[in-house]
Amino acid sequence: MSLRYKFKKAEKIVDVLNSVNGGSLNEIGRSIQMAEENLSAAAEDLLTLCSTKCRGLCCRNVYPDELITLTDAVLILSRTGSMGETIFRCAENESLFSANCVFLENGTGPCIFPPAAKPHKCIATFCGNTRPVRKELRALRSSFNKLFRFMLVKKPGLVLGF
């Protein structure tokens, strides 16, 4: 699945979910945002290490299509409705080979996604020992799983492609 395809599919899913139960979609998005904020607070030392030692290495030499799942795309579009055009324009630059993430502003950073709408792997990837933030990582994963289950329950055909 390419990024363009994922985001087009996510756009349809967001439209349908908003018409069926937009309040629940927004509530799940807020729970992911809260889990991310809790993780960021608990992982302050790890984030400092990432910014001083690695300097965004996790955004370099990646396959963005493998980084961003359909669930991530749904979260991003549901939380950043006004950025849709920018997201699709960036997705047009997807390479067949590993490269810097296409969602880095001007190709070097920072990330175009606001804190409340980042892909799971981007939030949960650190270049240090994550044992001290294991509880917060589990809570974040649980929130993303809740979004996926919500998508499956409300619109299984769109999510599974039948």
N, C-alpha and C. Protein backbone atom coordinates (compact mmCIF):
# COMPACT_ATOMS: atom_id res chain seq x y z
N MET A 1 0.84 -1.17 0.00
CA MET A 1 0.00 0.00 0.00
C MET A 1 0.90 1.24 0.00
N SER A 2 0.66 2.18 -0.87
CA SER A 2 1.45 3.41 -0.87
C SER A 2 0.84 4.42 0.09
N LEU A 3 1.61 5.44 0.41
CA LEU A 3 1.10 6.49 1.30
C LEU A 3 -0.12 7.17 0.71
N ARG A 4 -0.07 7.46 -0.59
CA ARG A 4 -1.22 8.13 -1.23
C ARG A 4 -2.46 7.28 -1.09
N TYR A 5 -2.32 5.98 -1.34
CA TYR A 5 -3.46 5.08 -1.23
C TYR A 5 -3.98 5.04 0.21
N LYS A 6 -3.06 4.93 1.17
CA LYS A 6 -3.46 4.88 2.58
C LYS A 6 -4.22 6.14 2.98
N PHE A 7 -3.70 7.29 2.58
CA PHE A 7 -4.36 8.54 2.97
C PHE A 7 -5.69 8.73 2.24
N LYS A 8 -5.79 8.28 1.00
CA LYS A 8 -7.09 8.34 0.29
C LYS A 8 -8.11 7.45 0.99
N LYS A 9 -7.67 6.25 1.35
CA LYS A 9 -8.55 5.32 2.06
C LYS A 9 -8.92 5.89 3.43
N ALA A 10 -7.94 6.46 4.11
CA ALA A 10 -8.19 7.05 5.42
C ALA A 10 -9.17 8.21 5.32
N GLU A 11 -9.08 8.97 4.24
CA GLU A 11 -9.99 10.09 4.04
C GLU A 11 -11.44 9.60 3.96
N LYS A 12 -11.65 8.50 3.24
CA LYS A 12 -12.99 7.91 3.15
C LYS A 12 -13.46 7.41 4.52
N ILE A 13 -12.56 6.75 5.24
CA ILE A 13 -12.91 6.21 6.56
C ILE A 13 -13.27 7.35 7.52
N VAL A 14 -12.48 8.41 7.52
CA VAL A 14 -12.76 9.55 8.41
C VAL A 14 -14.11 10.17 8.07
N ASP A 15 -14.40 10.34 6.78
CA ASP A 15 -15.69 10.90 6.37
C ASP A 15 -16.85 10.05 6.88
N VAL A 16 -16.72 8.73 6.70
CA VAL A 16 -17.79 7.82 7.14
C VAL A 16 -17.90 7.80 8.66
N LEU A 17 -16.76 7.70 9.35
CA LEU A 17 -16.80 7.65 10.82
C LEU A 17 -17.35 8.95 11.40
N ASN A 18 -17.01 10.08 10.79
CA ASN A 18 -17.55 11.36 11.27
C ASN A 18 -19.06 11.42 11.10
N SER A 19 -19.55 10.84 10.00
CA SER A 19 -21.00 10.86 9.78
C SER A 19 -21.73 9.87 10.69
N VAL A 20 -21.06 8.77 11.03
CA VAL A 20 -21.66 7.75 11.89
C VAL A 20 -21.55 8.15 13.36
N ASN A 21 -20.33 8.51 13.79
CA ASN A 21 -20.11 8.80 15.20
C ASN A 21 -18.84 9.64 15.36
N GLY A 22 -18.89 10.87 14.88
CA GLY A 22 -17.73 11.76 14.93
C GLY A 22 -17.28 12.07 16.34
N GLY A 23 -18.21 12.10 17.29
CA GLY A 23 -17.85 12.38 18.68
C GLY A 23 -16.92 11.32 19.25
N SER A 24 -17.20 10.07 18.94
CA SER A 24 -16.35 8.98 19.43
C SER A 24 -14.97 9.03 18.78
N LEU A 25 -14.93 9.33 17.48
CA LEU A 25 -13.64 9.44 16.79
C LEU A 25 -12.81 10.54 17.43
N ASN A 26 -13.43 11.67 17.72
CA ASN A 26 -12.73 12.78 18.34
C ASN A 26 -12.26 12.42 19.76
N GLU A 27 -13.09 11.70 20.49
CA GLU A 27 -12.74 11.28 21.85
C GLU A 27 -11.54 10.33 21.84
N ILE A 28 -11.53 9.40 20.90
CA ILE A 28 -10.40 8.47 20.79
C ILE A 28 -9.14 9.24 20.42
N GLY A 29 -9.26 10.20 19.51
CA GLY A 29 -8.12 11.04 19.15
C GLY A 29 -7.58 11.80 20.35
N ARG A 30 -8.48 12.31 21.18
CA ARG A 30 -8.04 13.01 22.40
C ARG A 30 -7.34 12.05 23.37
N SER A 31 -7.82 10.80 23.45
CA SER A 31 -7.18 9.84 24.36
C SER A 31 -5.76 9.51 23.87
N ILE A 32 -5.58 9.45 22.55
CA ILE A 32 -4.24 9.23 22.00
C ILE A 32 -3.36 10.43 22.32
N GLN A 33 -3.90 11.63 22.17
CA GLN A 33 -3.15 12.84 22.48
C GLN A 33 -2.74 12.87 23.95
N MET A 34 -3.65 12.51 24.84
CA MET A 34 -3.32 12.48 26.28
C MET A 34 -2.24 11.44 26.57
N ALA A 35 -2.34 10.27 25.93
CA ALA A 35 -1.32 9.22 26.13
C ALA A 35 0.03 9.71 25.62
N GLU A 36 0.02 10.43 24.50
CA GLU A 36 1.27 10.97 23.96
C GLU A 36 1.86 12.02 24.91
N GLU A 37 1.01 12.88 25.46
CA GLU A 37 1.49 13.89 26.40
C GLU A 37 2.07 13.25 27.65
N ASN A 38 1.41 12.21 28.16
CA ASN A 38 1.92 11.50 29.34
C ASN A 38 3.26 10.84 29.03
N LEU A 39 3.37 10.25 27.85
CA LEU A 39 4.64 9.63 27.44
C LEU A 39 5.73 10.68 27.32
N SER A 40 5.43 11.80 26.69
CA SER A 40 6.43 12.86 26.52
C SER A 40 6.93 13.37 27.87
N ALA A 41 6.02 13.53 28.82
CA ALA A 41 6.41 13.99 30.15
C ALA A 41 7.30 12.96 30.85
N ALA A 42 6.92 11.70 30.75
CA ALA A 42 7.69 10.63 31.41
C ALA A 42 9.02 10.36 30.71
N ALA A 43 9.08 10.65 29.42
CA ALA A 43 10.27 10.33 28.63
C ALA A 43 11.15 11.55 28.37
N GLU A 44 11.06 12.53 29.22
CA GLU A 44 11.81 13.77 29.00
C GLU A 44 13.30 13.52 28.78
N ASP A 45 13.90 12.65 29.60
CA ASP A 45 15.33 12.35 29.45
C ASP A 45 15.62 11.67 28.12
N LEU A 46 14.74 10.74 27.72
CA LEU A 46 14.93 10.07 26.44
C LEU A 46 14.80 11.05 25.28
N LEU A 47 13.85 11.95 25.36
CA LEU A 47 13.66 12.94 24.29
C LEU A 47 14.85 13.88 24.19
N THR A 48 15.44 14.21 25.33
CA THR A 48 16.65 15.04 25.33
C THR A 48 17.78 14.29 24.63
N LEU A 49 17.92 13.02 24.94
CA LEU A 49 18.93 12.19 24.29
C LEU A 49 18.70 12.14 22.78
N CYS A 50 17.44 11.98 22.38
CA CYS A 50 17.11 11.93 20.95
C CYS A 50 17.49 13.23 20.25
N SER A 51 17.21 14.35 20.88
CA SER A 51 17.48 15.63 20.21
C SER A 51 18.95 16.03 20.26
N THR A 52 19.69 15.58 21.27
CA THR A 52 21.10 15.97 21.35
C THR A 52 22.04 14.96 20.71
N LYS A 53 21.73 13.68 20.86
CA LYS A 53 22.63 12.64 20.34
C LYS A 53 22.26 12.23 18.91
N CYS A 54 21.01 11.85 18.73
CA CYS A 54 20.60 11.30 17.43
C CYS A 54 20.17 12.37 16.43
N ARG A 55 19.63 13.46 16.92
CA ARG A 55 19.19 14.58 16.08
C ARG A 55 18.27 14.15 14.95
N GLY A 56 17.24 13.38 15.29
CA GLY A 56 16.24 13.01 14.29
C GLY A 56 16.64 11.88 13.37
N LEU A 57 17.59 11.07 13.78
CA LEU A 57 18.04 9.95 12.95
C LEU A 57 16.89 9.03 12.56
N CYS A 58 15.89 8.90 13.45
CA CYS A 58 14.76 8.00 13.18
C CYS A 58 13.91 8.50 12.01
N CYS A 59 14.09 9.75 11.59
CA CYS A 59 13.33 10.30 10.45
C CYS A 59 14.13 10.21 9.15
N ARG A 60 15.31 9.65 9.22
CA ARG A 60 16.19 9.57 8.05
C ARG A 60 16.28 8.13 7.56
N ASN A 61 16.44 7.98 6.28
CA ASN A 61 16.63 6.67 5.67
C ASN A 61 15.51 5.71 6.05
N VAL A 62 14.27 6.14 5.85
CA VAL A 62 13.10 5.34 6.21
C VAL A 62 12.24 5.06 4.97
N TYR A 63 11.36 4.12 5.11
CA TYR A 63 10.30 3.87 4.14
C TYR A 63 9.02 4.39 4.79
N PRO A 64 8.59 5.60 4.46
CA PRO A 64 7.42 6.17 5.14
C PRO A 64 6.18 5.28 5.06
N ASP A 65 6.05 4.52 3.98
CA ASP A 65 4.88 3.64 3.85
C ASP A 65 4.88 2.57 4.95
N GLU A 66 6.05 2.14 5.38
CA GLU A 66 6.14 1.15 6.46
C GLU A 66 5.99 1.81 7.83
N LEU A 67 6.24 3.09 7.88
CA LEU A 67 6.18 3.83 9.13
C LEU A 67 4.75 4.20 9.51
N ILE A 68 3.93 4.52 8.52
CA ILE A 68 2.58 5.04 8.75
C ILE A 68 1.56 3.99 8.36
N THR A 69 0.76 3.57 9.33
CA THR A 69 -0.29 2.57 9.09
C THR A 69 -1.58 3.28 8.68
N LEU A 70 -2.56 2.50 8.26
CA LEU A 70 -3.87 3.06 7.93
C LEU A 70 -4.48 3.72 9.17
N THR A 71 -4.31 3.11 10.33
CA THR A 71 -4.82 3.69 11.57
C THR A 71 -4.16 5.04 11.83
N ASP A 72 -2.85 5.13 11.61
CA ASP A 72 -2.15 6.41 11.76
C ASP A 72 -2.73 7.45 10.81
N ALA A 73 -2.96 7.06 9.57
CA ALA A 73 -3.50 7.99 8.57
C ALA A 73 -4.88 8.49 8.97
N VAL A 74 -5.71 7.61 9.53
CA VAL A 74 -7.04 8.02 10.01
C VAL A 74 -6.88 9.02 11.15
N LEU A 75 -6.00 8.73 12.10
CA LEU A 75 -5.77 9.67 13.20
C LEU A 75 -5.31 11.02 12.67
N ILE A 76 -4.32 11.00 11.80
CA ILE A 76 -3.75 12.24 11.28
C ILE A 76 -4.81 13.08 10.58
N LEU A 77 -5.58 12.47 9.68
CA LEU A 77 -6.59 13.23 8.95
C LEU A 77 -7.74 13.68 9.84
N SER A 78 -8.08 12.88 10.85
CA SER A 78 -9.18 13.28 11.73
C SER A 78 -8.76 14.41 12.67
N ARG A 79 -7.47 14.52 12.96
CA ARG A 79 -6.99 15.55 13.89
C ARG A 79 -6.45 16.78 13.17
N THR A 80 -6.17 16.67 11.88
CA THR A 80 -5.57 17.79 11.13
C THR A 80 -6.33 18.05 9.85
N GLY A 81 -7.63 18.12 9.91
CA GLY A 81 -8.46 18.26 8.72
C GLY A 81 -7.97 19.31 7.73
N SER A 82 -7.49 20.44 8.22
CA SER A 82 -7.06 21.51 7.33
C SER A 82 -5.73 21.23 6.65
N MET A 83 -5.01 20.22 7.09
CA MET A 83 -3.70 19.90 6.51
C MET A 83 -3.78 18.87 5.39
N GLY A 84 -4.98 18.40 5.07
CA GLY A 84 -5.12 17.33 4.10
C GLY A 84 -4.37 17.56 2.81
N GLU A 85 -4.49 18.75 2.25
CA GLU A 85 -3.83 19.06 0.98
C GLU A 85 -2.31 18.97 1.11
N THR A 86 -1.77 19.49 2.20
CA THR A 86 -0.32 19.43 2.44
C THR A 86 0.14 17.98 2.58
N ILE A 87 -0.63 17.18 3.30
CA ILE A 87 -0.28 15.78 3.51
C ILE A 87 -0.25 15.03 2.18
N PHE A 88 -1.27 15.25 1.34
CA PHE A 88 -1.31 14.57 0.05
C PHE A 88 -0.17 15.04 -0.86
N ARG A 89 0.18 16.32 -0.78
CA ARG A 89 1.28 16.84 -1.59
C ARG A 89 2.60 16.19 -1.16
N CYS A 90 2.80 16.05 0.15
CA CYS A 90 4.01 15.38 0.65
C CYS A 90 4.04 13.91 0.23
N ALA A 91 2.90 13.25 0.30
CA ALA A 91 2.81 11.83 -0.05
C ALA A 91 3.17 11.60 -1.52
N GLU A 92 2.97 12.62 -2.36
CA GLU A 92 3.35 12.51 -3.77
C GLU A 92 4.86 12.32 -3.93
N ASN A 93 5.64 12.74 -2.94
CA ASN A 93 7.10 12.65 -3.01
C ASN A 93 7.65 11.33 -2.48
N GLU A 94 6.76 10.39 -2.20
CA GLU A 94 7.20 9.09 -1.67
C GLU A 94 8.13 8.41 -2.65
N SER A 95 9.23 7.92 -2.14
CA SER A 95 10.25 7.25 -2.95
C SER A 95 10.07 5.74 -2.87
N LEU A 96 10.53 5.06 -3.90
CA LEU A 96 10.51 3.60 -3.87
C LEU A 96 11.61 3.06 -2.96
N PHE A 97 12.59 3.90 -2.69
CA PHE A 97 13.73 3.50 -1.87
C PHE A 97 13.72 4.28 -0.57
N SER A 98 14.51 3.84 0.38
CA SER A 98 14.54 4.56 1.65
C SER A 98 15.08 5.97 1.43
N ALA A 99 14.53 6.89 2.19
CA ALA A 99 14.91 8.30 2.08
C ALA A 99 14.48 9.00 3.36
N ASN A 100 14.76 10.28 3.44
CA ASN A 100 14.24 11.05 4.57
C ASN A 100 12.73 11.02 4.52
N CYS A 101 12.09 11.07 5.65
CA CYS A 101 10.64 11.05 5.71
C CYS A 101 10.07 12.19 4.88
N VAL A 102 9.07 11.91 4.07
CA VAL A 102 8.48 12.92 3.19
C VAL A 102 7.68 13.96 3.97
N PHE A 103 7.45 13.72 5.24
CA PHE A 103 6.68 14.66 6.05
C PHE A 103 7.56 15.58 6.89
N LEU A 104 8.84 15.65 6.55
CA LEU A 104 9.74 16.61 7.20
C LEU A 104 9.64 17.92 6.42
N GLU A 105 9.43 19.01 7.12
CA GLU A 105 9.33 20.31 6.47
C GLU A 105 10.62 20.61 5.73
N ASN A 106 10.51 21.01 4.48
CA ASN A 106 11.66 21.31 3.62
C ASN A 106 12.63 20.14 3.50
N GLY A 107 12.17 18.92 3.77
CA GLY A 107 13.00 17.74 3.63
C GLY A 107 13.98 17.50 4.77
N THR A 108 14.05 18.43 5.71
CA THR A 108 15.01 18.28 6.80
C THR A 108 14.37 18.33 8.18
N GLY A 109 13.19 18.87 8.31
CA GLY A 109 12.51 18.92 9.59
C GLY A 109 12.23 20.34 10.01
N PRO A 110 11.40 20.52 10.94
CA PRO A 110 10.76 19.51 11.78
C PRO A 110 9.60 18.82 11.06
N CYS A 111 8.98 17.89 11.73
CA CYS A 111 7.85 17.14 11.19
C CYS A 111 6.67 18.09 10.98
N ILE A 112 5.93 17.89 9.88
CA ILE A 112 4.77 18.76 9.62
C ILE A 112 3.58 18.42 10.50
N PHE A 113 3.56 17.22 11.08
CA PHE A 113 2.42 16.82 11.90
C PHE A 113 2.50 17.47 13.27
N PRO A 114 1.38 18.02 13.74
CA PRO A 114 1.38 18.58 15.09
C PRO A 114 1.44 17.44 16.12
N PRO A 115 1.81 17.75 17.36
CA PRO A 115 1.94 16.71 18.38
C PRO A 115 0.71 15.82 18.53
N ALA A 116 -0.47 16.36 18.33
CA ALA A 116 -1.70 15.57 18.53
C ALA A 116 -2.00 14.62 17.38
N ALA A 117 -1.15 14.60 16.36
CA ALA A 117 -1.47 13.79 15.18
C ALA A 117 -0.24 13.15 14.56
N LYS A 118 0.57 12.54 15.37
CA LYS A 118 1.77 11.86 14.84
C LYS A 118 1.52 10.36 14.77
N PRO A 119 2.16 9.70 13.80
CA PRO A 119 2.04 8.24 13.71
C PRO A 119 2.59 7.56 14.98
N HIS A 120 2.03 6.40 15.29
CA HIS A 120 2.42 5.66 16.50
C HIS A 120 3.93 5.44 16.58
N LYS A 121 4.53 4.97 15.49
CA LYS A 121 5.97 4.67 15.54
C LYS A 121 6.80 5.92 15.78
N CYS A 122 6.34 7.06 15.30
CA CYS A 122 7.08 8.31 15.51
C CYS A 122 7.01 8.76 16.96
N ILE A 123 5.91 8.47 17.61
CA ILE A 123 5.74 8.85 19.01
C ILE A 123 6.50 7.89 19.92
N ALA A 124 6.48 6.62 19.58
CA ALA A 124 6.96 5.57 20.49
C ALA A 124 8.38 5.10 20.21
N THR A 125 9.11 5.77 19.32
CA THR A 125 10.46 5.35 18.99
C THR A 125 11.46 6.27 19.69
N PHE A 126 12.35 5.66 20.45
CA PHE A 126 13.38 6.40 21.16
C PHE A 126 14.73 5.74 20.90
N CYS A 127 15.80 6.51 21.03
CA CYS A 127 17.13 5.96 20.83
C CYS A 127 17.80 5.64 22.16
N GLY A 128 17.02 5.20 23.11
CA GLY A 128 17.54 4.84 24.42
C GLY A 128 16.68 3.77 25.06
N ASN A 129 16.99 3.43 26.28
CA ASN A 129 16.27 2.40 27.02
C ASN A 129 14.86 2.88 27.36
N THR A 130 13.85 2.17 26.88
CA THR A 130 12.46 2.58 27.12
C THR A 130 11.82 1.91 28.34
N ARG A 131 12.60 1.14 29.06
CA ARG A 131 12.06 0.45 30.24
C ARG A 131 11.38 1.42 31.22
N PRO A 132 11.96 2.59 31.49
CA PRO A 132 11.32 3.50 32.45
C PRO A 132 9.95 4.04 31.99
N VAL A 133 9.66 3.97 30.71
CA VAL A 133 8.38 4.51 30.20
C VAL A 133 7.50 3.40 29.62
N ARG A 134 7.74 2.20 30.07
CA ARG A 134 6.98 1.05 29.55
C ARG A 134 5.48 1.21 29.75
N LYS A 135 5.08 1.68 30.91
CA LYS A 135 3.65 1.86 31.22
C LYS A 135 3.02 2.88 30.26
N GLU A 136 3.70 3.97 30.01
CA GLU A 136 3.18 5.00 29.12
C GLU A 136 3.14 4.51 27.67
N LEU A 137 4.13 3.73 27.27
CA LEU A 137 4.12 3.15 25.92
C LEU A 137 2.95 2.19 25.74
N ARG A 138 2.67 1.39 26.78
CA ARG A 138 1.52 0.48 26.73
C ARG A 138 0.21 1.26 26.61
N ALA A 139 0.08 2.34 27.36
CA ALA A 139 -1.14 3.16 27.31
C ALA A 139 -1.31 3.77 25.92
N LEU A 140 -0.22 4.21 25.32
CA LEU A 140 -0.28 4.78 23.97
C LEU A 140 -0.71 3.71 22.97
N ARG A 141 -0.08 2.54 23.04
CA ARG A 141 -0.43 1.44 22.13
C ARG A 141 -1.90 1.05 22.30
N SER A 142 -2.36 1.03 23.54
CA SER A 142 -3.75 0.69 23.82
C SER A 142 -4.70 1.70 23.18
N SER A 143 -4.35 2.97 23.23
CA SER A 143 -5.19 4.01 22.62
C SER A 143 -5.24 3.86 21.10
N PHE A 144 -4.11 3.56 20.48
CA PHE A 144 -4.10 3.34 19.03
C PHE A 144 -4.91 2.08 18.68
N ASN A 145 -4.80 1.04 19.51
CA ASN A 145 -5.59 -0.18 19.28
C ASN A 145 -7.08 0.11 19.39
N LYS A 146 -7.45 0.98 20.29
CA LYS A 146 -8.86 1.36 20.45
C LYS A 146 -9.36 2.03 19.17
N LEU A 147 -8.54 2.89 18.57
CA LEU A 147 -8.92 3.53 17.31
C LEU A 147 -9.09 2.48 16.22
N PHE A 148 -8.18 1.53 16.13
CA PHE A 148 -8.28 0.48 15.11
C PHE A 148 -9.55 -0.35 15.31
N ARG A 149 -9.84 -0.73 16.54
CA ARG A 149 -11.06 -1.51 16.82
C ARG A 149 -12.31 -0.70 16.48
N PHE A 150 -12.30 0.58 16.78
CA PHE A 150 -13.43 1.45 16.45
C PHE A 150 -13.65 1.47 14.94
N MET A 151 -12.56 1.58 14.19
CA MET A 151 -12.65 1.57 12.72
C MET A 151 -13.23 0.24 12.24
N LEU A 152 -12.76 -0.86 12.81
CA LEU A 152 -13.23 -2.18 12.39
C LEU A 152 -14.71 -2.40 12.70
N VAL A 153 -15.13 -1.96 13.88
CA VAL A 153 -16.52 -2.16 14.28
C VAL A 153 -17.46 -1.31 13.44
N LYS A 154 -17.09 -0.06 13.21
CA LYS A 154 -17.99 0.85 12.50
C LYS A 154 -17.99 0.64 10.99
N LYS A 155 -16.84 0.37 10.41
CA LYS A 155 -16.75 0.22 8.96
C LYS A 155 -15.75 -0.86 8.57
N PRO A 156 -16.06 -2.13 8.85
CA PRO A 156 -15.10 -3.20 8.54
C PRO A 156 -14.78 -3.30 7.05
N GLY A 157 -15.75 -3.09 6.20
CA GLY A 157 -15.52 -3.20 4.76
C GLY A 157 -14.50 -2.21 4.25
N LEU A 158 -14.57 -0.98 4.73
CA LEU A 158 -13.60 0.03 4.32
C LEU A 158 -12.21 -0.28 4.84
N VAL A 159 -12.13 -0.74 6.08
CA VAL A 159 -10.83 -1.01 6.70
C VAL A 159 -10.18 -2.25 6.08
N LEU A 160 -10.97 -3.28 5.88
CA LEU A 160 -10.43 -4.55 5.38
C LEU A 160 -10.40 -4.63 3.86
N GLY A 161 -11.04 -3.68 3.20
CA GLY A 161 -10.97 -3.62 1.74
C GLY A 161 -11.94 -4.51 1.00
N PHE A 162 -13.09 -4.78 1.57
CA PHE A 162 -14.09 -5.56 0.82
C PHE A 162 -15.38 -4.80 0.72
